[in-house]
Amino acid sequence: MTKTTDGVTRRKTLRTDHPLWAATPRITVPSSSTPRHQDYDVIIVGAGISGAMMAEALADGKRRILVIDRRLPVRGSTMASTAMIQHEIDIPLHQLDKLIGKEKAARAWQRSSEAVKHLKRTIARLDIRCAFEERCTLYLAGEEYGSRALQTEADRRIEAGLQAEYLKSAELRERFGIQRTAGIVSNPSASANPAQLTAGLHKAAAVRGVETVSLLDITDLRETRDGVVLATAGGRLLTAADVVFCTGYEFLEVMESPAHRVISTWALASEPRIPRPAWLDEFLVWEGSDPYLYFRSTPDGRIIAGGEDEADPVAHLDQDKAKAKFARIAEKLKDLTGIDIGKPAYGWAAAFGTTTTGLPIIDRTPGMDHVHAVMGFGGNGITFSAIASELVASRIAGQPDPEEDLFRYPE
């Protein structure tokens, strides 16, 4: 068995304070405390957005599927998401070219764009009420990527068959009232309530027979010739043909790698109906700086903004630091847009995963054939979760996805 004192995945305090989504309706998922069976076709560990998408993608009314979480469903790092569902990857395309090659970089960005469209279709098909809205993205020149870099980036995206409109300083000021040297307008992107989206996906999967068990920890695992054996904290053994770990930043220790790390991030939400420019209700905004500021509006007129990331994986636990971070985010937003959010209605901090390429890790666990790991690291967590659900579902069905090579575990 693979064993650690905390179970098979790292145990972390994933978020602090009170995120906006905790106060919204339709985020509770029915679950039991004990699995109904011992043997399953697929066991999914993790009931956040990645686990929910995985369950929905695999649910066919025929396979016996179990979702397990050591928390209540939806209550982990998904609750800390700002749900800026972007097609853009943290690493600009022209920079990703240098890291993994032009052909692979283009495919990664194209797949990310298609994943946003796929998610839109899924939400419409399942009629999930989650404040989903299609958005464009406004990417602003910043300290790390200036006007010249953004021109190169826009040209590269167009070359890769992606939509991008480069804006010079005067155009940016005229259309958005923002003083920066350049910007890129692109689509498709979207926004949503991540807790309602996650709960809606779980409920849709439950209709097709998926079972959810909460407050149950997995302590050991072993792959056998017939599949995978999992041991629970209560000493029970569960077996499955395939196991998918969708545990995010509480990843399997065997997946530790210099290619990824967990850092800290902060976000806030204003009161409803904050005065704001009309264009903001159609855009997600972020900038080419490190750390970068990002923000959007909600259907009830709140402003959600975040950033100020730090490399320290536990900095988000510091309450005094959080106050300073919230003030800095609000100050940067006001300086850029003139929007004064006043005292934030909600503020939260969380662990956040990054990789050297900005791409997620969606692969088999090293040395195992039937233990799959979904590590949706990067600023596109929801988008990457959508990609993971497609890739793993295809792999389990014996039909490998053509983009599998983009998301391999780094050797």
Protein backbone atom coordinates (compact mmCIF):
# COMPACT_ATOMS: atom_id res chain seq x y z
CA MET A 1 0.00 0.00 0.00
CA THR A 2 1.02 3.64 -0.54
CA LYS A 3 0.69 5.23 2.89
CA THR A 4 1.29 8.59 4.58
CA THR A 5 0.29 9.94 7.99
CA ASP A 6 -2.24 12.25 6.35
CA GLY A 7 -3.63 9.66 3.96
CA VAL A 8 -2.59 9.23 0.33
CA THR A 9 -2.94 12.94 -0.48
CA ARG A 10 -1.45 15.97 1.21
CA ARG A 11 -3.79 17.54 3.75
CA LYS A 12 -3.92 21.34 3.49
CA THR A 13 -5.99 24.24 4.74
CA LEU A 14 -7.15 25.20 1.27
CA ARG A 15 -8.76 28.54 2.01
CA THR A 16 -9.49 31.03 4.79
CA ASP A 17 -12.15 33.63 5.54
CA HIS A 18 -15.57 33.63 3.92
CA PRO A 19 -15.82 33.41 0.13
CA LEU A 20 -18.77 34.93 -1.67
CA TRP A 21 -20.03 31.60 -2.99
CA ALA A 22 -20.65 30.17 0.48
CA ALA A 23 -23.55 32.61 0.84
CA THR A 24 -25.30 31.58 -2.39
CA PRO A 25 -28.13 29.05 -2.81
CA ARG A 26 -28.12 25.66 -4.59
CA ILE A 27 -24.61 24.62 -3.50
CA THR A 28 -25.48 21.62 -1.32
CA VAL A 29 -24.92 18.14 -2.73
CA PRO A 30 -26.64 15.14 -1.07
CA SER A 31 -24.09 12.63 0.18
CA SER A 32 -23.86 9.67 2.53
CA SER A 33 -21.21 8.69 5.04
CA THR A 34 -20.68 5.10 3.90
CA PRO A 35 -20.25 3.57 0.42
CA ARG A 36 -23.12 1.29 -0.58
CA HIS A 37 -20.82 -1.24 -2.23
CA GLN A 38 -17.28 -2.53 -2.01
CA ASP A 39 -16.52 -2.84 -5.71
CA TYR A 40 -16.86 -0.05 -8.30
CA ASP A 41 -16.01 0.55 -11.92
CA VAL A 42 -14.59 3.98 -11.12
CA ILE A 43 -13.85 5.74 -7.83
CA ILE A 44 -13.28 9.49 -8.02
CA VAL A 45 -11.45 11.01 -5.05
CA GLY A 46 -12.39 14.68 -4.67
CA ALA A 47 -15.81 16.34 -4.90
CA GLY A 48 -14.77 19.79 -6.13
CA ILE A 49 -15.13 21.12 -9.66
CA SER A 50 -12.68 18.58 -11.14
CA GLY A 51 -14.41 15.65 -9.45
CA ALA A 52 -17.83 16.95 -10.46
CA MET A 53 -16.88 17.28 -14.12
CA MET A 54 -15.26 13.85 -14.03
CA ALA A 55 -18.36 12.26 -12.50
CA GLU A 56 -20.66 13.88 -15.05
CA ALA A 57 -18.42 12.85 -17.95
CA LEU A 58 -18.21 9.22 -16.80
CA ALA A 59 -21.80 8.77 -15.66
CA ASP A 60 -23.65 6.61 -18.16
CA GLY A 61 -26.21 4.89 -15.94
CA LYS A 62 -24.37 1.58 -16.41
CA ARG A 63 -21.06 1.89 -14.60
CA ARG A 64 -20.91 1.84 -10.81
CA ILE A 65 -19.21 5.13 -9.90
CA LEU A 66 -18.34 6.49 -6.45
CA VAL A 67 -17.20 10.02 -5.54
CA ILE A 68 -15.38 10.35 -2.19
CA ASP A 69 -14.23 13.47 -0.35
CA ARG A 70 -12.72 14.04 3.07
CA ARG A 71 -14.83 17.22 3.20
CA LEU A 72 -18.42 17.93 2.28
CA PRO A 73 -18.84 18.24 -1.50
CA VAL A 74 -17.98 21.65 -2.99
CA ARG A 75 -16.33 22.84 0.25
CA GLY A 76 -12.65 22.65 -0.73
CA SER A 77 -10.64 24.94 -2.97
CA THR A 78 -13.49 25.22 -5.50
CA MET A 79 -15.18 27.61 -3.07
CA ALA A 80 -12.20 29.96 -3.41
CA SER A 81 -12.37 30.15 -7.22
CA THR A 82 -13.16 33.49 -8.83
CA ALA A 83 -14.59 31.52 -11.78
CA MET A 84 -12.97 33.53 -14.53
CA ILE A 85 -13.36 30.75 -17.07
CA GLN A 86 -10.69 31.78 -19.53
CA HIS A 87 -9.42 30.23 -22.71
CA GLU A 88 -6.16 32.10 -22.14
CA ILE A 89 -3.38 30.21 -20.37
CA ASP A 90 -1.19 31.93 -17.76
CA ILE A 91 1.86 31.56 -20.00
CA PRO A 92 1.34 33.63 -23.19
CA LEU A 93 1.32 31.59 -26.37
CA HIS A 94 4.50 33.14 -27.78
CA GLN A 95 6.28 32.29 -24.51
CA LEU A 96 4.85 28.77 -24.32
CA ASP A 97 6.31 28.23 -27.80
CA LYS A 98 9.77 28.49 -26.22
CA LEU A 99 8.95 26.01 -23.47
CA ILE A 100 7.24 23.18 -25.34
CA GLY A 101 7.52 24.06 -29.05
CA LYS A 102 5.18 25.94 -31.38
CA GLU A 103 3.10 22.96 -32.45
CA LYS A 104 2.37 21.78 -28.91
CA ALA A 105 1.82 25.31 -27.61
CA ALA A 106 -0.74 26.03 -30.32
CA ARG A 107 -2.57 22.77 -29.58
CA ALA A 108 -2.68 23.57 -25.86
CA TRP A 109 -4.20 26.99 -26.43
CA GLN A 110 -6.63 25.61 -29.02
CA ARG A 111 -7.73 22.86 -26.63
CA SER A 112 -8.26 25.42 -23.87
CA SER A 113 -10.47 27.46 -26.19
CA GLU A 114 -12.49 24.40 -27.15
CA ALA A 115 -12.88 23.45 -23.48
CA VAL A 116 -14.70 26.72 -22.74
CA LYS A 117 -17.11 25.99 -25.59
CA HIS A 118 -17.56 22.42 -24.35
CA LEU A 119 -18.38 23.65 -20.86
CA LYS A 120 -20.95 26.07 -22.24
CA ARG A 121 -22.67 23.22 -24.09
CA THR A 122 -22.61 21.01 -20.99
CA ILE A 123 -24.20 23.68 -18.78
CA ALA A 124 -26.91 24.31 -21.38
CA ARG A 125 -27.55 20.59 -21.87
CA LEU A 126 -27.93 19.98 -18.13
CA ASP A 127 -29.76 23.28 -17.51
CA ILE A 128 -27.48 24.16 -14.58
CA ARG A 129 -28.36 27.47 -12.93
CA CYS A 130 -24.96 28.86 -12.05
CA ALA A 131 -24.93 32.48 -13.29
CA PHE A 132 -23.02 31.37 -16.39
CA GLU A 133 -22.27 34.23 -18.77
CA GLU A 134 -20.22 34.31 -21.95
CA ARG A 135 -17.47 36.90 -21.76
CA CYS A 136 -14.63 38.35 -23.80
CA THR A 137 -11.21 38.78 -22.21
CA LEU A 138 -9.23 42.01 -22.01
CA TYR A 139 -5.53 41.32 -21.46
CA LEU A 140 -3.57 44.44 -20.55
CA ALA A 141 0.09 45.28 -21.01
CA GLY A 142 1.89 45.25 -17.68
CA GLU A 143 5.29 45.21 -16.04
CA GLU A 144 6.20 41.78 -17.41
CA TYR A 145 4.67 41.96 -20.89
CA GLY A 146 4.54 45.38 -22.53
CA SER A 147 3.11 46.65 -25.81
CA ARG A 148 5.73 44.94 -27.98
CA ALA A 149 5.15 41.58 -26.30
CA LEU A 150 1.38 41.93 -26.66
CA GLN A 151 1.70 42.70 -30.38
CA THR A 152 3.81 39.54 -30.76
CA GLU A 153 1.26 37.61 -28.72
CA ALA A 154 -1.73 38.80 -30.76
CA ASP A 155 0.04 37.91 -34.02
CA ARG A 156 0.95 34.46 -32.68
CA ARG A 157 -2.63 33.74 -31.56
CA ILE A 158 -3.98 34.68 -34.97
CA GLU A 159 -1.36 32.45 -36.59
CA ALA A 160 -2.59 29.58 -34.39
CA GLY A 161 -6.18 30.11 -35.55
CA LEU A 162 -7.30 31.86 -32.37
CA GLN A 163 -9.24 35.11 -32.19
CA ALA A 164 -7.26 38.16 -31.00
CA GLU A 165 -7.57 41.92 -31.51
CA TYR A 166 -4.55 44.04 -30.64
CA LEU A 167 -5.32 47.48 -29.23
CA LYS A 168 -2.85 50.33 -29.13
CA SER A 169 -2.80 52.75 -26.22
CA ALA A 170 -5.20 55.27 -27.81
CA GLU A 171 -7.71 52.55 -28.79
CA LEU A 172 -7.56 51.06 -25.32
CA ARG A 173 -8.20 54.44 -23.72
CA GLU A 174 -11.07 55.24 -26.08
CA ARG A 175 -12.89 51.90 -25.68
CA PHE A 176 -12.20 51.16 -22.03
CA GLY A 177 -10.93 54.32 -20.41
CA ILE A 178 -7.77 52.48 -19.32
CA GLN A 179 -4.29 53.96 -19.45
CA ARG A 180 -1.98 51.16 -20.55
CA THR A 181 0.37 50.87 -23.51
CA ALA A 182 -1.59 48.07 -25.19
CA GLY A 183 -4.24 45.39 -24.79
CA ILE A 184 -5.64 42.28 -26.44
CA VAL A 185 -9.37 41.57 -26.75
CA SER A 186 -10.21 37.92 -27.34
CA ASN A 187 -12.80 35.18 -26.85
CA PRO A 188 -14.23 32.72 -25.92
CA SER A 189 -14.27 33.04 -22.13
CA ALA A 190 -17.00 32.99 -19.49
CA SER A 191 -17.86 33.47 -15.84
CA ALA A 192 -20.05 31.57 -13.39
CA ASN A 193 -20.79 30.76 -9.78
CA PRO A 194 -18.31 27.88 -9.27
CA ALA A 195 -20.12 26.39 -6.27
CA GLN A 196 -23.46 26.25 -8.09
CA LEU A 197 -21.75 24.84 -11.18
CA THR A 198 -20.04 22.11 -9.14
CA ALA A 199 -23.21 21.21 -7.27
CA GLY A 200 -25.21 21.15 -10.50
CA LEU A 201 -22.76 18.75 -12.14
CA HIS A 202 -22.84 16.43 -9.12
CA LYS A 203 -26.63 16.40 -9.12
CA ALA A 204 -26.73 15.62 -12.84
CA ALA A 205 -24.30 12.74 -12.28
CA ALA A 206 -26.40 11.46 -9.37
CA VAL A 207 -29.43 11.19 -11.65
CA ARG A 208 -27.36 8.71 -13.68
CA GLY A 209 -26.46 6.64 -10.66
CA VAL A 210 -23.25 8.23 -9.34
CA GLU A 211 -22.89 7.80 -5.58
CA THR A 212 -21.29 10.49 -3.39
CA VAL A 213 -19.75 9.86 0.04
CA SER A 214 -18.35 12.69 2.16
CA LEU A 215 -16.23 13.02 5.30
CA LEU A 216 -14.34 9.87 4.34
CA ASP A 217 -10.57 9.82 3.98
CA ILE A 218 -8.53 7.47 1.81
CA THR A 219 -5.43 6.35 3.69
CA ASP A 220 -3.82 3.75 1.40
CA LEU A 221 -3.90 2.53 -2.16
CA ARG A 222 -2.44 -0.34 -4.14
CA GLU A 223 -2.75 -1.29 -7.78
CA THR A 224 -3.31 -4.99 -8.47
CA ARG A 225 -3.68 -7.04 -11.63
CA ASP A 226 -7.45 -6.57 -11.41
CA GLY A 227 -7.56 -2.85 -10.64
CA VAL A 228 -7.02 -0.67 -7.57
CA VAL A 229 -7.62 -1.28 -3.87
CA LEU A 230 -8.27 1.72 -1.61
CA ALA A 231 -8.30 1.67 2.19
CA THR A 232 -10.46 4.15 4.11
CA ALA A 233 -9.71 5.77 7.46
CA GLY A 234 -12.28 3.43 9.01
CA GLY A 235 -10.39 0.35 7.83
CA ARG A 236 -12.70 -0.53 4.97
CA LEU A 237 -11.34 -1.73 1.61
CA LEU A 238 -12.82 -0.50 -1.67
CA THR A 239 -11.91 -1.79 -5.11
CA ALA A 240 -12.26 -0.23 -8.55
CA ALA A 241 -11.15 -0.86 -12.10
CA ASP A 242 -9.94 2.75 -12.21
CA VAL A 243 -9.39 5.46 -9.60
CA VAL A 244 -9.21 9.17 -10.48
CA PHE A 245 -7.67 11.57 -7.97
CA CYS A 246 -9.26 15.00 -8.42
CA THR A 247 -7.82 16.36 -5.19
CA GLY A 248 -6.25 19.53 -6.60
CA TYR A 249 -3.61 21.00 -4.33
CA GLU A 250 -3.90 18.09 -1.89
CA PHE A 251 -2.19 15.98 -4.51
CA LEU A 252 -0.74 12.49 -4.23
CA GLU A 253 2.75 12.68 -2.78
CA VAL A 254 4.08 10.52 -5.60
CA MET A 255 3.10 13.41 -7.92
CA GLU A 256 5.55 15.79 -6.27
CA SER A 257 7.69 17.50 -8.94
CA PRO A 258 9.94 20.56 -9.36
CA ALA A 259 7.69 21.45 -12.31
CA HIS A 260 4.83 22.53 -10.06
CA ARG A 261 4.33 24.24 -6.73
CA VAL A 262 1.60 25.52 -4.45
CA ILE A 263 1.55 29.25 -3.69
CA SER A 264 -0.90 31.66 -2.01
CA THR A 265 -3.46 33.99 -3.56
CA TRP A 266 -6.10 36.47 -2.39
CA ALA A 267 -9.47 37.64 -3.72
CA LEU A 268 -12.34 39.88 -2.69
CA ALA A 269 -15.90 40.71 -3.69
CA SER A 270 -17.69 44.03 -3.33
CA GLU A 271 -21.23 44.75 -2.32
CA PRO A 272 -23.83 44.42 -5.13
CA ARG A 273 -24.53 47.17 -7.67
CA ILE A 274 -21.18 48.90 -7.45
CA PRO A 275 -20.86 51.75 -9.99
CA ARG A 276 -18.77 50.44 -12.86
CA PRO A 277 -18.27 51.00 -16.61
CA ALA A 278 -20.89 49.23 -18.73
CA TRP A 279 -18.25 47.35 -20.73
CA LEU A 280 -17.07 45.45 -17.65
CA ASP A 281 -20.21 43.29 -17.64
CA GLU A 282 -19.01 41.75 -20.89
CA PHE A 283 -15.33 41.23 -20.05
CA LEU A 284 -12.86 39.43 -17.83
CA VAL A 285 -9.75 41.53 -17.24
CA TRP A 286 -6.19 40.60 -16.34
CA GLU A 287 -2.73 42.01 -16.94
CA GLY A 288 0.76 41.00 -18.05
CA SER A 289 2.40 41.54 -14.65
CA ASP A 290 3.70 39.27 -11.92
CA PRO A 291 1.77 39.19 -9.71
CA TYR A 292 -1.11 40.25 -11.90
CA LEU A 293 -4.41 41.89 -11.04
CA TYR A 294 -7.57 40.27 -12.41
CA PHE A 295 -11.22 41.25 -12.04
CA ARG A 296 -14.75 40.84 -13.33
CA SER A 297 -18.33 41.72 -12.45
CA THR A 298 -21.21 39.47 -11.40
CA PRO A 299 -24.85 39.51 -12.58
CA ASP A 300 -25.88 41.37 -9.41
CA GLY A 301 -23.27 44.07 -9.95
CA ARG A 302 -20.52 42.99 -7.60
CA ILE A 303 -16.87 43.33 -8.51
CA ILE A 304 -14.67 40.29 -7.92
CA ALA A 305 -10.95 41.04 -7.98
CA GLY A 306 -7.87 39.09 -7.02
CA GLY A 307 -4.14 38.62 -7.28
CA GLU A 308 -1.14 39.60 -5.17
CA ASP A 309 0.10 35.98 -5.32
CA GLU A 310 3.05 34.95 -3.16
CA ALA A 311 5.33 31.94 -3.53
CA ASP A 312 4.86 31.00 0.14
CA PRO A 313 2.37 28.07 0.21
CA VAL A 314 1.05 29.00 3.68
CA ALA A 315 0.97 32.80 3.42
CA HIS A 316 -2.76 32.65 2.80
CA LEU A 317 -3.23 31.56 6.43
CA ASP A 318 -1.93 34.91 7.74
CA GLN A 319 -4.96 37.04 8.66
CA ASP A 320 -2.96 40.26 9.04
CA LYS A 321 -1.38 39.77 5.63
CA ALA A 322 -4.82 39.20 4.14
CA LYS A 323 -5.99 42.67 5.22
CA ALA A 324 -3.02 44.26 3.50
CA LYS A 325 -3.56 42.16 0.38
CA PHE A 326 -7.25 43.10 0.13
CA ALA A 327 -6.36 46.78 0.48
CA ARG A 328 -3.69 46.50 -2.21
CA ILE A 329 -6.03 44.72 -4.64
CA ALA A 330 -8.70 47.39 -4.15
CA GLU A 331 -6.11 50.16 -4.59
CA LYS A 332 -4.77 48.68 -7.83
CA LEU A 333 -8.30 48.26 -9.18
CA LYS A 334 -9.15 51.89 -8.42
CA ASP A 335 -5.91 53.18 -9.94
CA LEU A 336 -6.54 51.24 -13.15
CA THR A 337 -10.29 51.71 -13.62
CA GLY A 338 -11.50 54.35 -11.17
CA ILE A 339 -13.79 51.75 -9.57
CA ASP A 340 -14.02 52.30 -5.81
CA ILE A 341 -15.38 49.17 -4.16
CA GLY A 342 -15.27 50.60 -0.65
CA LYS A 343 -15.13 48.04 2.10
CA PRO A 344 -15.23 44.54 0.54
CA ALA A 345 -18.27 42.47 1.37
CA TYR A 346 -16.23 39.26 1.13
CA GLY A 347 -12.53 38.49 1.18
CA TRP A 348 -10.76 35.16 1.05
CA ALA A 349 -7.32 33.65 0.63
CA ALA A 350 -6.39 30.25 -0.72
CA ALA A 351 -3.73 27.84 -1.83
CA PHE A 352 -3.13 28.01 -5.56
CA GLY A 353 -1.15 25.68 -7.81
CA THR A 354 1.16 26.70 -10.63
CA THR A 355 3.35 24.87 -13.12
CA THR A 356 6.35 26.00 -15.14
CA THR A 357 4.30 25.82 -18.35
CA GLY A 358 0.98 27.08 -17.00
CA LEU A 359 -0.55 23.76 -18.10
CA PRO A 360 -2.29 21.23 -15.86
CA ILE A 361 -1.07 17.71 -15.16
CA ILE A 362 -3.60 15.12 -16.35
CA ASP A 363 -1.94 11.74 -16.40
CA ARG A 364 -1.62 8.31 -14.90
CA THR A 365 0.18 8.22 -11.58
CA PRO A 366 3.83 7.21 -12.20
CA GLY A 367 4.19 3.42 -12.15
CA MET A 368 0.44 2.76 -12.25
CA ASP A 369 -1.92 2.05 -15.12
CA HIS A 370 -5.28 2.53 -13.46
CA VAL A 371 -4.65 5.41 -11.02
CA HIS A 372 -5.21 8.74 -12.74
CA ALA A 373 -4.32 12.17 -11.35
CA VAL A 374 -5.96 15.47 -12.28
CA MET A 375 -3.95 18.46 -11.15
CA GLY A 376 -5.73 21.48 -12.60
CA PHE A 377 -2.95 23.88 -11.71
CA GLY A 378 -2.83 27.35 -13.23
CA GLY A 379 -5.24 30.24 -13.53
CA ASN A 380 -7.64 28.23 -15.70
CA GLY A 381 -8.74 25.68 -13.11
CA ILE A 382 -12.30 25.27 -14.37
CA THR A 383 -11.22 25.20 -18.01
CA PHE A 384 -8.55 22.63 -17.23
CA SER A 385 -11.07 20.54 -15.28
CA ALA A 386 -13.20 20.39 -18.41
CA ILE A 387 -10.20 19.19 -20.42
CA ALA A 388 -9.37 16.59 -17.75
CA SER A 389 -12.87 15.15 -17.77
CA GLU A 390 -12.64 14.55 -21.50
CA LEU A 391 -9.11 13.13 -21.44
CA VAL A 392 -9.62 10.72 -18.55
CA ALA A 393 -13.05 9.57 -19.75
CA SER A 394 -11.54 8.75 -23.13
CA ARG A 395 -8.59 6.95 -21.55
CA ILE A 396 -10.82 4.80 -19.36
CA ALA A 397 -12.91 3.98 -22.42
CA GLY A 398 -9.75 2.77 -24.18
CA GLN A 399 -9.80 5.63 -26.69
CA PRO A 400 -6.79 7.87 -25.89
CA ASP A 401 -7.27 11.58 -26.52
CA PRO A 402 -4.99 13.12 -29.20
CA GLU A 403 -3.95 15.88 -26.76
CA GLU A 404 -2.84 13.55 -23.95
CA ASP A 405 0.81 14.32 -24.63
CA LEU A 406 0.32 17.98 -23.68
CA PHE A 407 -0.56 17.23 -20.08
CA ARG A 408 1.86 14.45 -19.12
CA TYR A 409 3.44 14.20 -15.73
CA PRO A 410 6.81 16.01 -16.02
CA GLU A 411 9.70 13.56 -15.93
